Amino acid sequence: QVQLVESGGGLVQPGGSLRLSCAASGRTFSGWTMGWFRQAPGKERKFVARISTGLGLTYYADSVKGRFSISRDNAKKMVYLQMNSLKPEDSAVYYCNTVPPSLDWGQGTQVTVSS
């Protein structure tokens, strides 16, 4: 059973930075396109960023482009999301999963951007 465990969230002031981590189990991790998603209260879960296998090509939602950066370490089975210039509208629970999502969702990590 593949498990996803997100961490690194917290409370940060507008303009601040956070780095999220996602630990994944599973033998074929390196073969998965991985992504980050977020869900704000009362709203649907939305795509944030993805990183492909092989060349590690990245793609971002327009709302985070230029501020967020996704990366992966296949040897450690980890995916990261570096978030800079955070805005209050970035506040949400952040999740990782394959793209498109095919695994059970983890518990997520809460990001709150507030002064």
C-alpha atoms as a PDB file:
ATOM      1  CA  GLN A   1       0.000   0.000   0.000  1.00  0.00           C
ATOM      2  CA  VAL A   2       1.541   3.267  -1.106  1.00  0.00           C
ATOM      3  CA  GLN A   3       1.455   6.030   1.469  1.00  0.00           C
ATOM      4  CA  LEU A   4       1.968   9.754   1.063  1.00  0.00           C
ATOM      5  CA  VAL A   5       3.039  11.861   4.036  1.00  0.00           C
ATOM      6  CA  GLU A   6       3.159  15.632   3.701  1.00  0.00           C
ATOM      7  CA  SER A   7       4.970  17.963   6.095  1.00  0.00           C
ATOM      8  CA  GLY A   8       6.449  21.429   6.395  1.00  0.00           C
ATOM      9  CA  GLY A   9       3.357  23.572   6.640  1.00  0.00           C
ATOM     10  CA  GLY A  10       2.813  26.290   9.192  1.00  0.00           C
ATOM     11  CA  LEU A  11       1.891  29.903   9.825  1.00  0.00           C
ATOM     12  CA  VAL A  12       3.814  32.478   7.838  1.00  0.00           C
ATOM     13  CA  GLN A  13       3.427  36.183   7.174  1.00  0.00           C
ATOM     14  CA  PRO A  14       2.615  37.481   3.698  1.00  0.00           C
ATOM     15  CA  GLY A  15       5.768  37.609   1.622  1.00  0.00           C
ATOM     16  CA  GLY A  16       7.325  34.773   3.566  1.00  0.00           C
ATOM     17  CA  SER A  17       8.497  31.335   2.454  1.00  0.00           C
ATOM     18  CA  LEU A  18       7.867  27.712   3.298  1.00  0.00           C
ATOM     19  CA  ARG A  19       9.201  24.436   1.981  1.00  0.00           C
ATOM     20  CA  LEU A  20       6.815  21.509   1.904  1.00  0.00           C
ATOM     21  CA  SER A  21       7.939  17.901   1.763  1.00  0.00           C
ATOM     22  CA  CYS A  22       6.155  14.759   0.646  1.00  0.00           C
ATOM     23  CA  ALA A  23       7.474  11.317   1.506  1.00  0.00           C
ATOM     24  CA  ALA A  24       6.199   8.477  -0.651  1.00  0.00           C
ATOM     25  CA  SER A  25       6.517   4.743  -0.450  1.00  0.00           C
ATOM     26  CA  GLY A  26       6.337   2.464  -3.450  1.00  0.00           C
ATOM     27  CA  ARG A  27       8.880   0.797  -5.667  1.00  0.00           C
ATOM     28  CA  THR A  28       7.888   2.672  -8.807  1.00  0.00           C
ATOM     29  CA  PHE A  29       8.074   6.207  -7.389  1.00  0.00           C
ATOM     30  CA  SER A  30      10.636   7.273  -9.967  1.00  0.00           C
ATOM     31  CA  GLY A  31       8.188   6.355 -12.707  1.00  0.00           C
ATOM     32  CA  TRP A  32       5.404   8.609 -11.450  1.00  0.00           C
ATOM     33  CA  THR A  33       4.672  12.171 -12.404  1.00  0.00           C
ATOM     34  CA  MET A  34       4.160  13.785  -9.001  1.00  0.00           C
ATOM     35  CA  GLY A  35       2.297  16.896  -8.090  1.00  0.00           C
ATOM     36  CA  TRP A  36       1.078  19.175  -5.357  1.00  0.00           C
ATOM     37  CA  PHE A  37      -2.546  20.117  -4.826  1.00  0.00           C
ATOM     38  CA  ARG A  38      -4.250  22.385  -2.327  1.00  0.00           C
ATOM     39  CA  GLN A  39      -7.672  22.755  -0.801  1.00  0.00           C
ATOM     40  CA  ALA A  40      -8.926  25.873   0.907  1.00  0.00           C
ATOM     41  CA  PRO A  41     -11.882  25.715   3.317  1.00  0.00           C
ATOM     42  CA  GLY A  42     -15.148  25.252   1.476  1.00  0.00           C
ATOM     43  CA  LYS A  43     -13.444  24.908  -1.888  1.00  0.00           C
ATOM     44  CA  GLU A  44     -12.468  22.073  -4.186  1.00  0.00           C
ATOM     45  CA  ARG A  45      -9.000  20.620  -4.215  1.00  0.00           C
ATOM     46  CA  LYS A  46      -6.964  22.252  -6.981  1.00  0.00           C
ATOM     47  CA  PHE A  47      -3.786  21.478  -8.862  1.00  0.00           C
ATOM     48  CA  VAL A  48      -0.721  23.540  -7.923  1.00  0.00           C
ATOM     49  CA  ALA A  49       2.345  22.052  -9.616  1.00  0.00           C
ATOM     50  CA  ARG A  50       3.688  18.870 -11.154  1.00  0.00           C
ATOM     51  CA  ILE A  51       7.074  17.365 -11.997  1.00  0.00           C
ATOM     52  CA  SER A  52       7.570  14.627 -14.535  1.00  0.00           C
ATOM     53  CA  THR A  53       9.719  11.567 -14.433  1.00  0.00           C
ATOM     54  CA  GLY A  54      12.997  11.427 -16.325  1.00  0.00           C
ATOM     55  CA  LEU A  55      13.853  15.024 -17.231  1.00  0.00           C
ATOM     56  CA  GLY A  56      11.872  16.399 -14.315  1.00  0.00           C
ATOM     57  CA  LEU A  57       9.883  18.820 -16.418  1.00  0.00           C
ATOM     58  CA  THR A  58       7.740  21.125 -14.318  1.00  0.00           C
ATOM     59  CA  TYR A  59       4.409  22.839 -14.772  1.00  0.00           C
ATOM     60  CA  TYR A  60       2.596  25.285 -12.516  1.00  0.00           C
ATOM     61  CA  ALA A  61      -0.832  26.714 -12.033  1.00  0.00           C
ATOM     62  CA  ASP A  62      -0.931  30.341 -13.127  1.00  0.00           C
ATOM     63  CA  SER A  63      -1.665  31.451  -9.574  1.00  0.00           C
ATOM     64  CA  VAL A  64       1.712  30.219  -8.307  1.00  0.00           C
ATOM     65  CA  LYS A  65       3.921  30.547 -11.355  1.00  0.00           C
ATOM     66  CA  GLY A  66       7.128  32.416 -10.569  1.00  0.00           C
ATOM     67  CA  ARG A  67       6.666  31.993  -6.804  1.00  0.00           C
ATOM     68  CA  PHE A  68       6.582  28.233  -6.248  1.00  0.00           C
ATOM     69  CA  SER A  69       9.108  25.615  -7.302  1.00  0.00           C
ATOM     70  CA  ILE A  70       8.583  21.849  -7.314  1.00  0.00           C
ATOM     71  CA  SER A  71      11.425  19.353  -7.137  1.00  0.00           C
ATOM     72  CA  ARG A  72      11.958  15.678  -6.438  1.00  0.00           C
ATOM     73  CA  ASP A  73      14.565  13.287  -5.120  1.00  0.00           C
ATOM     74  CA  ASN A  74      13.876   9.834  -6.536  1.00  0.00           C
ATOM     75  CA  ALA A  75      16.482   8.137  -4.371  1.00  0.00           C
ATOM     76  CA  LYS A  76      14.737   9.389  -1.237  1.00  0.00           C
ATOM     77  CA  LYS A  77      11.231   9.098  -2.735  1.00  0.00           C
ATOM     78  CA  MET A  78      10.573  12.713  -1.844  1.00  0.00           C
ATOM     79  CA  VAL A  79       8.807  15.586  -3.546  1.00  0.00           C
ATOM     80  CA  TYR A  80       9.257  19.172  -2.429  1.00  0.00           C
ATOM     81  CA  LEU A  81       7.434  22.442  -2.930  1.00  0.00           C
ATOM     82  CA  GLN A  82       9.365  25.629  -2.281  1.00  0.00           C
ATOM     83  CA  MET A  83       6.899  28.447  -1.780  1.00  0.00           C
ATOM     84  CA  ASN A  84       8.102  32.034  -1.868  1.00  0.00           C
ATOM     85  CA  SER A  85       6.331  35.390  -1.781  1.00  0.00           C
ATOM     86  CA  LEU A  86       3.387  33.766  -0.079  1.00  0.00           C
ATOM     87  CA  LYS A  87       0.009  35.478  -0.183  1.00  0.00           C
ATOM     88  CA  PRO A  88      -3.048  35.050   2.060  1.00  0.00           C
ATOM     89  CA  GLU A  89      -4.830  33.336  -0.827  1.00  0.00           C
ATOM     90  CA  ASP A  90      -2.207  30.586  -0.717  1.00  0.00           C
ATOM     91  CA  SER A  91      -3.634  29.461   2.625  1.00  0.00           C
ATOM     92  CA  ALA A  92      -4.895  25.897   2.281  1.00  0.00           C
ATOM     93  CA  VAL A  93      -4.165  22.300   3.113  1.00  0.00           C
ATOM     94  CA  TYR A  94      -1.506  21.072   0.691  1.00  0.00           C
ATOM     95  CA  TYR A  95      -1.373  17.518  -0.594  1.00  0.00           C
ATOM     96  CA  CYS A  96       0.902  15.568  -2.891  1.00  0.00           C
ATOM     97  CA  ASN A  97      -0.177  12.797  -5.248  1.00  0.00           C
ATOM     98  CA  THR A  98       0.528  11.436  -8.670  1.00  0.00           C
ATOM     99  CA  VAL A  99      -0.690  13.460 -11.632  1.00  0.00           C
ATOM    100  CA  PRO A 100      -3.426  12.643 -12.332  1.00  0.00           C
ATOM    101  CA  PRO A 101      -4.184  11.577  -8.751  1.00  0.00           C
ATOM    102  CA  SER A 102      -4.176   7.818  -8.403  1.00  0.00           C
ATOM    103  CA  LEU A 103      -3.132   7.181  -4.815  1.00  0.00           C
ATOM    104  CA  ASP A 104      -4.965   7.522  -1.534  1.00  0.00           C
ATOM    105  CA  TRP A 105      -4.658  11.088  -0.292  1.00  0.00           C
ATOM    106  CA  GLY A 106      -2.446  11.714   2.705  1.00  0.00           C
ATOM    107  CA  GLN A 107      -3.379  13.899   5.635  1.00  0.00           C
ATOM    108  CA  GLY A 108      -1.982  17.005   3.990  1.00  0.00           C
ATOM    109  CA  THR A 109      -0.125  19.866   5.627  1.00  0.00           C
ATOM    110  CA  GLN A 110      -1.756  23.143   6.607  1.00  0.00           C
ATOM    111  CA  VAL A 111      -0.334  26.388   5.250  1.00  0.00           C
ATOM    112  CA  THR A 112      -1.655  29.613   6.716  1.00  0.00           C
ATOM    113  CA  VAL A 113      -0.500  32.954   5.372  1.00  0.00           C
ATOM    114  CA  SER A 114      -1.538  35.745   7.672  1.00  0.00           C
ATOM    115  CA  SER A 115      -0.173  38.796   9.409  1.00  0.00           C
END
